[in-house]
Amino acid sequence: MLLGINNTGMAVGSYVDASGNTHGLVYNSSSNTWQTVDDPNAVNIPAFAVAGTTVNGINDLGQLVGFYSDGTNVNGFVASPAPEPASLILMGLGLCGAGLVRKWKRPN
């Protein structure tokens, strides 16, 4: 079930897997792909009729809001997207290159 969408075409919601566990999800409409988003503290033990993780909002920066059950309480969360490993490598190489250029331009 999709519960929220942003202006870039990213949608969020939740799904129930074959084992009956509820997971949050982020769906990318431009690539027709989705990924699971689970709070690390979430459990599939209901608290106030909520189990697992549900993502119900996303802004244009990709920041998520939602809620999860810890088995006793229902807790809210805010999550920011982490860069993919390839992006981190490119960023690291760019920073190394910037450092070399800076060192090269420095007078002795």
PDB file of N, CA and C in Angstrom:
ATOM      1  N   MET A   1       0.854  -1.154   0.000  1.00  0.00           N
ATOM      2  CA  MET A   1       0.000   0.000   0.000  1.00  0.00           C
ATOM      3  C   MET A   1       0.903   1.220   0.000  1.00  0.00           C
ATOM      4  N   LEU A   2       0.644   2.157  -0.908  1.00  0.00           N
ATOM      5  CA  LEU A   2       1.403   3.395  -0.982  1.00  0.00           C
ATOM      6  C   LEU A   2       0.657   4.486  -0.220  1.00  0.00           C
ATOM      7  N   LEU A   3       1.399   5.251   0.583  1.00  0.00           N
ATOM      8  CA  LEU A   3       0.776   6.243   1.464  1.00  0.00           C
ATOM      9  C   LEU A   3       1.226   7.671   1.212  1.00  0.00           C
ATOM     10  N   GLY A   4       2.311   7.859   0.483  1.00  0.00           N
ATOM     11  CA  GLY A   4       2.806   9.207   0.240  1.00  0.00           C
ATOM     12  C   GLY A   4       3.639   9.249  -1.023  1.00  0.00           C
ATOM     13  N   ILE A   5       3.721  10.435  -1.647  1.00  0.00           N
ATOM     14  CA  ILE A   5       4.519  10.628  -2.857  1.00  0.00           C
ATOM     15  C   ILE A   5       5.083  12.038  -2.833  1.00  0.00           C
ATOM     16  N   ASN A   6       6.288  12.208  -3.401  1.00  0.00           N
ATOM     17  CA  ASN A   6       6.875  13.542  -3.468  1.00  0.00           C
ATOM     18  C   ASN A   6       6.849  14.051  -4.907  1.00  0.00           C
ATOM     19  N   ASN A   7       7.399  15.236  -5.141  1.00  0.00           N
ATOM     20  CA  ASN A   7       7.377  15.843  -6.470  1.00  0.00           C
ATOM     21  C   ASN A   7       8.363  15.222  -7.448  1.00  0.00           C
ATOM     22  N   THR A   8       9.247  14.343  -6.974  1.00  0.00           N
ATOM     23  CA  THR A   8      10.206  13.685  -7.866  1.00  0.00           C
ATOM     24  C   THR A   8       9.743  12.287  -8.273  1.00  0.00           C
ATOM     25  N   GLY A   9       8.555  11.890  -7.846  1.00  0.00           N
ATOM     26  CA  GLY A   9       8.020  10.588  -8.240  1.00  0.00           C
ATOM     27  C   GLY A   9       8.407   9.438  -7.332  1.00  0.00           C
ATOM     28  N   MET A  10       8.925   9.744  -6.139  1.00  0.00           N
ATOM     29  CA  MET A  10       9.229   8.703  -5.162  1.00  0.00           C
ATOM     30  C   MET A  10       8.001   8.520  -4.277  1.00  0.00           C
ATOM     31  N   ALA A  11       7.583   7.279  -4.102  1.00  0.00           N
ATOM     32  CA  ALA A  11       6.417   6.973  -3.278  1.00  0.00           C
ATOM     33  C   ALA A  11       6.842   6.098  -2.113  1.00  0.00           C
ATOM     34  N   VAL A  12       6.093   6.150  -1.016  1.00  0.00           N
ATOM     35  CA  VAL A  12       6.403   5.363   0.177  1.00  0.00           C
ATOM     36  C   VAL A  12       5.149   4.673   0.680  1.00  0.00           C
ATOM     37  N   GLY A  13       5.358   3.639   1.475  1.00  0.00           N
ATOM     38  CA  GLY A  13       4.237   2.920   2.061  1.00  0.00           C
ATOM     39  C   GLY A  13       4.723   1.721   2.839  1.00  0.00           C
ATOM     40  N   SER A  14       3.954   0.641   2.766  1.00  0.00           N
ATOM     41  CA  SER A  14       4.318  -0.586   3.473  1.00  0.00           C
ATOM     42  C   SER A  14       3.770  -1.783   2.712  1.00  0.00           C
ATOM     43  N   TYR A  15       4.309  -2.954   3.035  1.00  0.00           N
ATOM     44  CA  TYR A  15       3.817  -4.207   2.475  1.00  0.00           C
ATOM     45  C   TYR A  15       3.969  -5.303   3.521  1.00  0.00           C
ATOM     46  N   VAL A  16       3.242  -6.370   3.345  1.00  0.00           N
ATOM     47  CA  VAL A  16       3.324  -7.531   4.234  1.00  0.00           C
ATOM     48  C   VAL A  16       3.932  -8.682   3.442  1.00  0.00           C
ATOM     49  N   ASP A  17       5.018  -9.278   3.962  1.00  0.00           N
ATOM     50  CA  ASP A  17       5.670 -10.373   3.248  1.00  0.00           C
ATOM     51  C   ASP A  17       4.959 -11.705   3.491  1.00  0.00           C
ATOM     52  N   ALA A  18       5.464 -12.761   2.882  1.00  0.00           N
ATOM     53  CA  ALA A  18       4.829 -14.079   2.963  1.00  0.00           C
ATOM     54  C   ALA A  18       4.784 -14.621   4.387  1.00  0.00           C
ATOM     55  N   SER A  19       5.682 -14.139   5.256  1.00  0.00           N
ATOM     56  CA  SER A  19       5.693 -14.579   6.656  1.00  0.00           C
ATOM     57  C   SER A  19       4.777 -13.753   7.536  1.00  0.00           C
ATOM     58  N   GLY A  20       4.114 -12.751   6.966  1.00  0.00           N
ATOM     59  CA  GLY A  20       3.212 -11.910   7.743  1.00  0.00           C
ATOM     60  C   GLY A  20       3.876 -10.713   8.394  1.00  0.00           C
ATOM     61  N   ASN A  21       5.146 -10.427   8.035  1.00  0.00           N
ATOM     62  CA  ASN A  21       5.872  -9.289   8.608  1.00  0.00           C
ATOM     63  C   ASN A  21       5.618  -8.035   7.777  1.00  0.00           C
ATOM     64  N   THR A  22       5.393  -6.900   8.459  1.00  0.00           N
ATOM     65  CA  THR A  22       5.152  -5.625   7.787  1.00  0.00           C
ATOM     66  C   THR A  22       6.467  -4.866   7.639  1.00  0.00           C
ATOM     67  N   HIS A  23       6.710  -4.369   6.424  1.00  0.00           N
ATOM     68  CA  HIS A  23       7.931  -3.628   6.107  1.00  0.00           C
ATOM     69  C   HIS A  23       7.555  -2.313   5.436  1.00  0.00           C
ATOM     70  N   GLY A  24       8.375  -1.288   5.667  1.00  0.00           N
ATOM     71  CA  GLY A  24       8.225  -0.049   4.923  1.00  0.00           C
ATOM     72  C   GLY A  24       8.833  -0.218   3.540  1.00  0.00           C
ATOM     73  N   LEU A  25       8.431   0.648   2.613  1.00  0.00           N
ATOM     74  CA  LEU A  25       9.008   0.582   1.268  1.00  0.00           C
ATOM     75  C   LEU A  25       9.112   1.967   0.666  1.00  0.00           C
ATOM     76  N   VAL A  26      10.078   2.105  -0.252  1.00  0.00           N
ATOM     77  CA  VAL A  26      10.234   3.300  -1.072  1.00  0.00           C
ATOM     78  C   VAL A  26      10.203   2.828  -2.517  1.00  0.00           C
ATOM     79  N   TYR A  27       9.323   3.439  -3.314  1.00  0.00           N
ATOM     80  CA  TYR A  27       9.152   3.068  -4.719  1.00  0.00           C
ATOM     81  C   TYR A  27       9.581   4.225  -5.611  1.00  0.00           C
ATOM     82  N   ASN A  28      10.436   3.928  -6.590  1.00  0.00           N
ATOM     83  CA  ASN A  28      10.902   4.920  -7.553  1.00  0.00           C
ATOM     84  C   ASN A  28      10.115   4.726  -8.843  1.00  0.00           C
ATOM     85  N   SER A  29       9.218   5.651  -9.160  1.00  0.00           N
ATOM     86  CA  SER A  29       8.359   5.487 -10.333  1.00  0.00           C
ATOM     87  C   SER A  29       9.118   5.617 -11.647  1.00  0.00           C
ATOM     88  N   SER A  30      10.227   6.358 -11.664  1.00  0.00           N
ATOM     89  CA  SER A  30      10.962   6.524 -12.921  1.00  0.00           C
ATOM     90  C   SER A  30      11.733   5.265 -13.310  1.00  0.00           C
ATOM     91  N   SER A  31      12.221   4.504 -12.338  1.00  0.00           N
ATOM     92  CA  SER A  31      12.946   3.260 -12.648  1.00  0.00           C
ATOM     93  C   SER A  31      12.108   2.019 -12.379  1.00  0.00           C
ATOM     94  N   ASN A  32      10.896   2.203 -11.859  1.00  0.00           N
ATOM     95  CA  ASN A  32      10.003   1.097 -11.524  1.00  0.00           C
ATOM     96  C   ASN A  32      10.684   0.088 -10.589  1.00  0.00           C
ATOM     97  N   THR A  33      11.408   0.619  -9.601  1.00  0.00           N
ATOM     98  CA  THR A  33      12.081  -0.222  -8.611  1.00  0.00           C
ATOM     99  C   THR A  33      11.643   0.204  -7.215  1.00  0.00           C
ATOM    100  N   TRP A  34      11.812  -0.695  -6.260  1.00  0.00           N
ATOM    101  CA  TRP A  34      11.475  -0.380  -4.873  1.00  0.00           C
ATOM    102  C   TRP A  34      12.475  -1.034  -3.947  1.00  0.00           C
ATOM    103  N   GLN A  35      12.562  -0.516  -2.740  1.00  0.00           N
ATOM    104  CA  GLN A  35      13.425  -1.102  -1.719  1.00  0.00           C
ATOM    105  C   GLN A  35      12.724  -1.100  -0.377  1.00  0.00           C
ATOM    106  N   THR A  36      13.070  -2.082   0.419  1.00  0.00           N
ATOM    107  CA  THR A  36      12.527  -2.216   1.760  1.00  0.00           C
ATOM    108  C   THR A  36      13.203  -1.229   2.703  1.00  0.00           C
ATOM    109  N   VAL A  37      12.418  -0.654   3.596  1.00  0.00           N
ATOM    110  CA  VAL A  37      12.931   0.242   4.641  1.00  0.00           C
ATOM    111  C   VAL A  37      12.358  -0.243   5.962  1.00  0.00           C
ATOM    112  N   ASP A  38      13.232  -0.733   6.841  1.00  0.00           N
ATOM    113  CA  ASP A  38      12.802  -1.193   8.166  1.00  0.00           C
ATOM    114  C   ASP A  38      13.566  -0.439   9.238  1.00  0.00           C
ATOM    115  N   ASP A  39      12.858   0.053  10.237  1.00  0.00           N
ATOM    116  CA  ASP A  39      13.540   0.636  11.383  1.00  0.00           C
ATOM    117  C   ASP A  39      14.265  -0.495  12.102  1.00  0.00           C
ATOM    118  N   PRO A  40      15.522  -0.283  12.513  1.00  0.00           N
ATOM    119  CA  PRO A  40      16.264  -1.366  13.186  1.00  0.00           C
ATOM    120  C   PRO A  40      15.645  -1.822  14.505  1.00  0.00           C
ATOM    121  N   ASN A  41      14.792  -1.004  15.109  1.00  0.00           N
ATOM    122  CA  ASN A  41      14.148  -1.373  16.375  1.00  0.00           C
ATOM    123  C   ASN A  41      12.769  -1.998  16.184  1.00  0.00           C
ATOM    124  N   ALA A  42      12.331  -2.125  14.937  1.00  0.00           N
ATOM    125  CA  ALA A  42      10.987  -2.651  14.673  1.00  0.00           C
ATOM    126  C   ALA A  42      10.928  -4.156  14.888  1.00  0.00           C
ATOM    127  N   VAL A  43       9.792  -4.598  15.423  1.00  0.00           N
ATOM    128  CA  VAL A  43       9.515  -6.026  15.568  1.00  0.00           C
ATOM    129  C   VAL A  43       8.105  -6.277  15.034  1.00  0.00           C
ATOM    130  N   ASN A  44       7.838  -7.515  14.700  1.00  0.00           N
ATOM    131  CA  ASN A  44       6.526  -7.846  14.166  1.00  0.00           C
ATOM    132  C   ASN A  44       5.542  -8.249  15.268  1.00  0.00           C
ATOM    133  N   ILE A  45       5.737  -7.706  16.466  1.00  0.00           N
ATOM    134  CA  ILE A  45       4.814  -7.915  17.579  1.00  0.00           C
ATOM    135  C   ILE A  45       3.930  -6.680  17.653  1.00  0.00           C
ATOM    136  N   PRO A  46       2.625  -6.821  17.494  1.00  0.00           N
ATOM    137  CA  PRO A  46       1.752  -5.636  17.466  1.00  0.00           C
ATOM    138  C   PRO A  46       1.753  -4.849  18.775  1.00  0.00           C
ATOM    139  N   ALA A  47       1.742  -3.543  18.615  1.00  0.00           N
ATOM    140  CA  ALA A  47       1.511  -2.607  19.708  1.00  0.00           C
ATOM    141  C   ALA A  47       0.442  -1.659  19.188  1.00  0.00           C
ATOM    142  N   PHE A  48      -0.692  -1.603  19.850  1.00  0.00           N
ATOM    143  CA  PHE A  48      -1.799  -0.751  19.410  1.00  0.00           C
ATOM    144  C   PHE A  48      -2.178  -1.034  17.956  1.00  0.00           C
ATOM    145  N   ALA A  49      -2.195  -2.302  17.585  1.00  0.00           N
ATOM    146  CA  ALA A  49      -2.572  -2.785  16.245  1.00  0.00           C
ATOM    147  C   ALA A  49      -1.567  -2.421  15.159  1.00  0.00           C
ATOM    148  N   VAL A  50      -0.355  -2.020  15.540  1.00  0.00           N
ATOM    149  CA  VAL A  50       0.706  -1.723  14.574  1.00  0.00           C
ATOM    150  C   VAL A  50       1.818  -2.740  14.773  1.00  0.00           C
ATOM    151  N   ALA A  51       2.302  -3.314  13.668  1.00  0.00           N
ATOM    152  CA  ALA A  51       3.440  -4.237  13.727  1.00  0.00           C
ATOM    153  C   ALA A  51       4.417  -3.850  12.630  1.00  0.00           C
ATOM    154  N   GLY A  52       5.699  -4.096  12.860  1.00  0.00           N
ATOM    155  CA  GLY A  52       6.709  -3.812  11.847  1.00  0.00           C
ATOM    156  C   GLY A  52       6.892  -2.322  11.608  1.00  0.00           C
ATOM    157  N   THR A  53       7.248  -1.973  10.351  1.00  0.00           N
ATOM    158  CA  THR A  53       7.560  -0.595   9.961  1.00  0.00           C
ATOM    159  C   THR A  53       6.610  -0.124   8.868  1.00  0.00           C
ATOM    160  N   THR A  54       6.167   1.115   8.952  1.00  0.00           N
ATOM    161  CA  THR A  54       5.381   1.765   7.903  1.00  0.00           C
ATOM    162  C   THR A  54       6.013   3.121   7.612  1.00  0.00           C
ATOM    163  N   VAL A  55       6.236   3.415   6.338  1.00  0.00           N
ATOM    164  CA  VAL A  55       6.717   4.727   5.921  1.00  0.00           C
ATOM    165  C   VAL A  55       5.523   5.450   5.313  1.00  0.00           C
ATOM    166  N   ASN A  56       5.202   6.635   5.831  1.00  0.00           N
ATOM    167  CA  ASN A  56       4.007   7.308   5.323  1.00  0.00           C
ATOM    168  C   ASN A  56       4.249   8.693   4.752  1.00  0.00           C
ATOM    169  N   GLY A  57       5.502   9.121   4.643  1.00  0.00           N
ATOM    170  CA  GLY A  57       5.782  10.411   4.039  1.00  0.00           C
ATOM    171  C   GLY A  57       7.193  10.491   3.502  1.00  0.00           C
ATOM    172  N   ILE A  58       7.368  11.276   2.421  1.00  0.00           N
ATOM    173  CA  ILE A  58       8.685  11.513   1.824  1.00  0.00           C
ATOM    174  C   ILE A  58       8.694  12.923   1.254  1.00  0.00           C
ATOM    175  N   ASN A  59       9.767  13.673   1.525  1.00  0.00           N
ATOM    176  CA  ASN A  59       9.858  15.012   0.942  1.00  0.00           C
ATOM    177  C   ASN A  59      10.717  14.960  -0.319  1.00  0.00           C
ATOM    178  N   ASP A  60      10.916  16.107  -0.967  1.00  0.00           N
ATOM    179  CA  ASP A  60      11.649  16.131  -2.230  1.00  0.00           C
ATOM    180  C   ASP A  60      13.145  15.876  -2.069  1.00  0.00           C
ATOM    181  N   LEU A  61      13.659  15.903  -0.841  1.00  0.00           N
ATOM    182  CA  LEU A  61      15.056  15.550  -0.569  1.00  0.00           C
ATOM    183  C   LEU A  61      15.209  14.054  -0.306  1.00  0.00           C
ATOM    184  N   GLY A  62      14.101  13.322  -0.275  1.00  0.00           N
ATOM    185  CA  GLY A  62      14.148  11.885  -0.020  1.00  0.00           C
ATOM    186  C   GLY A  62      14.109  11.523   1.450  1.00  0.00           C
ATOM    187  N   GLN A  63      13.884  12.494   2.329  1.00  0.00           N
ATOM    188  CA  GLN A  63      13.794  12.205   3.758  1.00  0.00           C
ATOM    189  C   GLN A  63      12.450  11.546   4.049  1.00  0.00           C
ATOM    190  N   LEU A  64      12.489  10.512   4.872  1.00  0.00           N
ATOM    191  CA  LEU A  64      11.310   9.705   5.163  1.00  0.00           C
ATOM    192  C   LEU A  64      10.783   9.967   6.568  1.00  0.00           C
ATOM    193  N   VAL A  65       9.485   9.817   6.736  1.00  0.00           N
ATOM    194  CA  VAL A  65       8.859   9.796   8.055  1.00  0.00           C
ATOM    195  C   VAL A  65       7.957   8.571   8.111  1.00  0.00           C
ATOM    196  N   GLY A  66       7.836   8.026   9.295  1.00  0.00           N
ATOM    197  CA  GLY A  66       6.981   6.861   9.457  1.00  0.00           C
ATOM    198  C   GLY A  66       6.893   6.452  10.899  1.00  0.00           C
ATOM    199  N   PHE A  67       6.496   5.207  11.108  1.00  0.00           N
ATOM    200  CA  PHE A  67       6.350   4.689  12.467  1.00  0.00           C
ATOM    201  C   PHE A  67       6.592   3.190  12.466  1.00  0.00           C
ATOM    202  N   TYR A  68       6.873   2.656  13.664  1.00  0.00           N
ATOM    203  CA  TYR A  68       7.150   1.231  13.822  1.00  0.00           C
ATOM    204  C   TYR A  68       6.717   0.776  15.208  1.00  0.00           C
ATOM    205  N   SER A  69       6.548  -0.536  15.336  1.00  0.00           N
ATOM    206  CA  SER A  69       6.238  -1.139  16.630  1.00  0.00           C
ATOM    207  C   SER A  69       7.511  -1.730  17.216  1.00  0.00           C
ATOM    208  N   ASP A  70       7.741  -1.474  18.503  1.00  0.00           N
ATOM    209  CA  ASP A  70       8.844  -2.142  19.197  1.00  0.00           C
ATOM    210  C   ASP A  70       8.310  -3.288  20.070  1.00  0.00           C
ATOM    211  N   GLY A  71       7.034  -3.627  19.872  1.00  0.00           N
ATOM    212  CA  GLY A  71       6.396  -4.693  20.624  1.00  0.00           C
ATOM    213  C   GLY A  71       5.627  -4.204  21.828  1.00  0.00           C
ATOM    214  N   THR A  72       5.924  -2.975  22.278  1.00  0.00           N
ATOM    215  CA  THR A  72       5.241  -2.374  23.410  1.00  0.00           C
ATOM    216  C   THR A  72       4.603  -1.047  23.029  1.00  0.00           C
ATOM    217  N   ASN A  73       5.326  -0.251  22.259  1.00  0.00           N
ATOM    218  CA  ASN A  73       4.881   1.082  21.859  1.00  0.00           C
ATOM    219  C   ASN A  73       4.945   1.243  20.345  1.00  0.00           C
ATOM    220  N   VAL A  74       4.267   2.255  19.846  1.00  0.00           N
ATOM    221  CA  VAL A  74       4.399   2.680  18.457  1.00  0.00           C
ATOM    222  C   VAL A  74       5.243   3.946  18.478  1.00  0.00           C
ATOM    223  N   ASN A  75       6.338   3.938  17.734  1.00  0.00           N
ATOM    224  CA  ASN A  75       7.300   5.037  17.740  1.00  0.00           C
ATOM    225  C   ASN A  75       7.407   5.637  16.344  1.00  0.00           C
ATOM    226  N   GLY A  76       7.595   6.944  16.274  1.00  0.00           N
ATOM    227  CA  GLY A  76       7.812   7.606  14.997  1.00  0.00           C
ATOM    228  C   GLY A  76       9.293   7.657  14.670  1.00  0.00           C
ATOM    229  N   PHE A  77       9.597   7.842  13.392  1.00  0.00           N
ATOM    230  CA  PHE A  77      10.999   8.012  12.987  1.00  0.00           C
ATOM    231  C   PHE A  77      11.087   8.985  11.814  1.00  0.00           C
ATOM    232  N   VAL A  78      12.263   9.569  11.671  1.00  0.00           N
ATOM    233  CA  VAL A  78      12.643  10.380  10.523  1.00  0.00           C
ATOM    234  C   VAL A  78      13.936   9.781  10.017  1.00  0.00           C
ATOM    235  N   ALA A  79      14.049   9.571   8.709  1.00  0.00           N
ATOM    236  CA  ALA A  79      15.250   8.970   8.140  1.00  0.00           C
ATOM    237  C   ALA A  79      15.682   9.752   6.912  1.00  0.00           C
ATOM    238  N   SER A  80      16.989   9.937   6.782  1.00  0.00           N
ATOM    239  CA  SER A  80      17.554  10.578   5.601  1.00  0.00           C
ATOM    240  C   SER A  80      18.236   9.518   4.762  1.00  0.00           C
ATOM    241  N   PRO A  81      18.162   9.653   3.433  1.00  0.00           N
ATOM    242  CA  PRO A  81      18.782   8.641   2.579  1.00  0.00           C
ATOM    243  C   PRO A  81      20.293   8.660   2.709  1.00  0.00           C
ATOM    244  N   ALA A  82      20.890   7.482   2.685  1.00  0.00           N
ATOM    245  CA  ALA A  82      22.346   7.357   2.686  1.00  0.00           C
ATOM    246  C   ALA A  82      22.803   7.207   1.246  1.00  0.00           C
ATOM    247  N   PRO A  83      23.931   7.818   0.876  1.00  0.00           N
ATOM    248  CA  PRO A  83      24.414   7.658  -0.485  1.00  0.00           C
ATOM    249  C   PRO A  83      24.758   6.204  -0.777  1.00  0.00           C
ATOM    250  N   GLU A  84      24.571   5.806  -2.025  1.00  0.00           N
ATOM    251  CA  GLU A  84      24.935   4.452  -2.429  1.00  0.00           C
ATOM    252  C   GLU A  84      26.449   4.322  -2.375  1.00  0.00           C
ATOM    253  N   PRO A  85      26.983   3.086  -2.198  1.00  0.00           N
ATOM    254  CA  PRO A  85      28.439   2.915  -2.111  1.00  0.00           C
ATOM    255  C   PRO A  85      29.193   3.519  -3.291  1.00  0.00           C
ATOM    256  N   ALA A  86      28.673   3.403  -4.505  1.00  0.00           N
ATOM    257  CA  ALA A  86      29.352   3.970  -5.670  1.00  0.00           C
ATOM    258  C   ALA A  86      29.453   5.484  -5.547  1.00  0.00           C
ATOM    259  N   SER A  87      28.419   6.124  -5.026  1.00  0.00           N
ATOM    260  CA  SER A  87      28.448   7.573  -4.837  1.00  0.00           C
ATOM    261  C   SER A  87      29.491   7.968  -3.806  1.00  0.00           C
ATOM    262  N   LEU A  88      29.617   7.168  -2.757  1.00  0.00           N
ATOM    263  CA  LEU A  88      30.627   7.447  -1.731  1.00  0.00           C
ATOM    264  C   LEU A  88      32.028   7.339  -2.308  1.00  0.00           C
ATOM    265  N   ILE A  89      32.267   6.347  -3.162  1.00  0.00           N
ATOM    266  CA  ILE A  89      33.589   6.175  -3.782  1.00  0.00           C
ATOM    267  C   ILE A  89      33.902   7.377  -4.667  1.00  0.00           C
ATOM    268  N   LEU A  90      32.936   7.792  -5.501  1.00  0.00           N
ATOM    269  CA  LEU A  90      33.152   8.947  -6.370  1.00  0.00           C
ATOM    270  C   LEU A  90      33.402  10.211  -5.558  1.00  0.00           C
ATOM    271  N   MET A  91      32.649  10.396  -4.465  1.00  0.00           N
ATOM    272  CA  MET A  91      32.846  11.558  -3.626  1.00  0.00           C
ATOM    273  C   MET A  91      34.243  11.524  -3.009  1.00  0.00           C
ATOM    274  N   GLY A  92      34.677  10.352  -2.548  1.00  0.00           N
ATOM    275  CA  GLY A  92      36.010  10.219  -1.961  1.00  0.00           C
ATOM    276  C   GLY A  92      37.105  10.525  -2.965  1.00  0.00           C
ATOM    277  N   LEU A  93      36.942  10.023  -4.187  1.00  0.00           N
ATOM    278  CA  LEU A  93      37.925  10.319  -5.226  1.00  0.00           C
ATOM    279  C   LEU A  93      37.959  11.802  -5.543  1.00  0.00           C
ATOM    280  N   GLY A  94      36.788  12.433  -5.571  1.00  0.00           N
ATOM    281  CA  GLY A  94      36.723  13.871  -5.829  1.00  0.00           C
ATOM    282  C   GLY A  94      37.422  14.660  -4.741  1.00  0.00           C
ATOM    283  N   LEU A  95      37.241  14.259  -3.490  1.00  0.00           N
ATOM    284  CA  LEU A  95      37.898  14.950  -2.380  1.00  0.00           C
ATOM    285  C   LEU A  95      39.408  14.758  -2.439  1.00  0.00           C
ATOM    286  N   CYS A  96      39.858  13.554  -2.803  1.00  0.00           N
ATOM    287  CA  CYS A  96      41.299  13.302  -2.943  1.00  0.00           C
ATOM    288  C   CYS A  96      41.869  14.168  -4.048  1.00  0.00           C
ATOM    289  N   GLY A  97      41.153  14.244  -5.176  1.00  0.00           N
ATOM    290  CA  GLY A  97      41.600  15.074  -6.292  1.00  0.00           C
ATOM    291  C   GLY A  97      41.674  16.535  -5.897  1.00  0.00           C
ATOM    292  N   ALA A  98      40.692  17.016  -5.158  1.00  0.00           N
ATOM    293  CA  ALA A  98      40.687  18.410  -4.712  1.00  0.00           C
ATOM    294  C   ALA A  98      41.880  18.675  -3.798  1.00  0.00           C
ATOM    295  N   GLY A  99      42.219  17.695  -2.959  1.00  0.00           N
ATOM    296  CA  GLY A  99      43.368  17.844  -2.069  1.00  0.00           C
ATOM    297  C   GLY A  99      44.675  17.893  -2.839  1.00  0.00           C
ATOM    298  N   LEU A 100      44.780  17.085  -3.899  1.00  0.00           N
ATOM    299  CA  LEU A 100      45.994  17.101  -4.714  1.00  0.00           C
ATOM    300  C   LEU A 100      46.139  18.419  -5.460  1.00  0.00           C
ATOM    301  N   VAL A 101      45.036  18.932  -6.005  1.00  0.00           N
ATOM    302  CA  VAL A 101      45.083  20.210  -6.713  1.00  0.00           C
ATOM    303  C   VAL A 101      45.481  21.320  -5.751  1.00  0.00           C
ATOM    304  N   ARG A 102      44.913  21.288  -4.556  1.00  0.00           N
ATOM    305  CA  ARG A 102      45.226  22.316  -3.566  1.00  0.00           C
ATOM    306  C   ARG A 102      46.697  22.259  -3.194  1.00  0.00           C
ATOM    307  N   LYS A 103      47.231  21.058  -2.996  1.00  0.00           N
ATOM    308  CA  LYS A 103      48.647  20.907  -2.634  1.00  0.00           C
ATOM    309  C   LYS A 103      49.538  21.352  -3.779  1.00  0.00           C
ATOM    310  N   TRP A 104      49.165  21.032  -4.998  1.00  0.00           N
ATOM    311  CA  TRP A 104      49.950  21.374  -6.168  1.00  0.00           C
ATOM    312  C   TRP A 104      50.041  22.885  -6.357  1.00  0.00           C
ATOM    313  N   LYS A 105      48.984  23.621  -6.040  1.00  0.00           N
ATOM    314  CA  LYS A 105      48.955  25.064  -6.222  1.00  0.00           C
ATOM    315  C   LYS A 105      49.641  25.831  -5.087  1.00  0.00           C
ATOM    316  N   ARG A 106      49.937  25.151  -3.995  1.00  0.00           N
ATOM    317  CA  ARG A 106      50.501  25.806  -2.838  1.00  0.00           C
ATOM    318  C   ARG A 106      51.969  26.201  -3.105  1.00  0.00           C
ATOM    319  N   PRO A 107      52.347  27.441  -2.869  1.00  0.00           N
ATOM    320  CA  PRO A 107      53.762  27.832  -3.073  1.00  0.00           C
ATOM    321  C   PRO A 107      54.645  27.235  -1.989  1.00  0.00           C
ATOM    322  N   ASN A 108      55.892  26.970  -2.359  1.00  0.00           N
ATOM    323  CA  ASN A 108      56.867  26.391  -1.399  1.00  0.00           C
ATOM    324  C   ASN A 108      57.554  27.444  -0.617  1.00  0.00           C
TER     325      ASN A 108
END
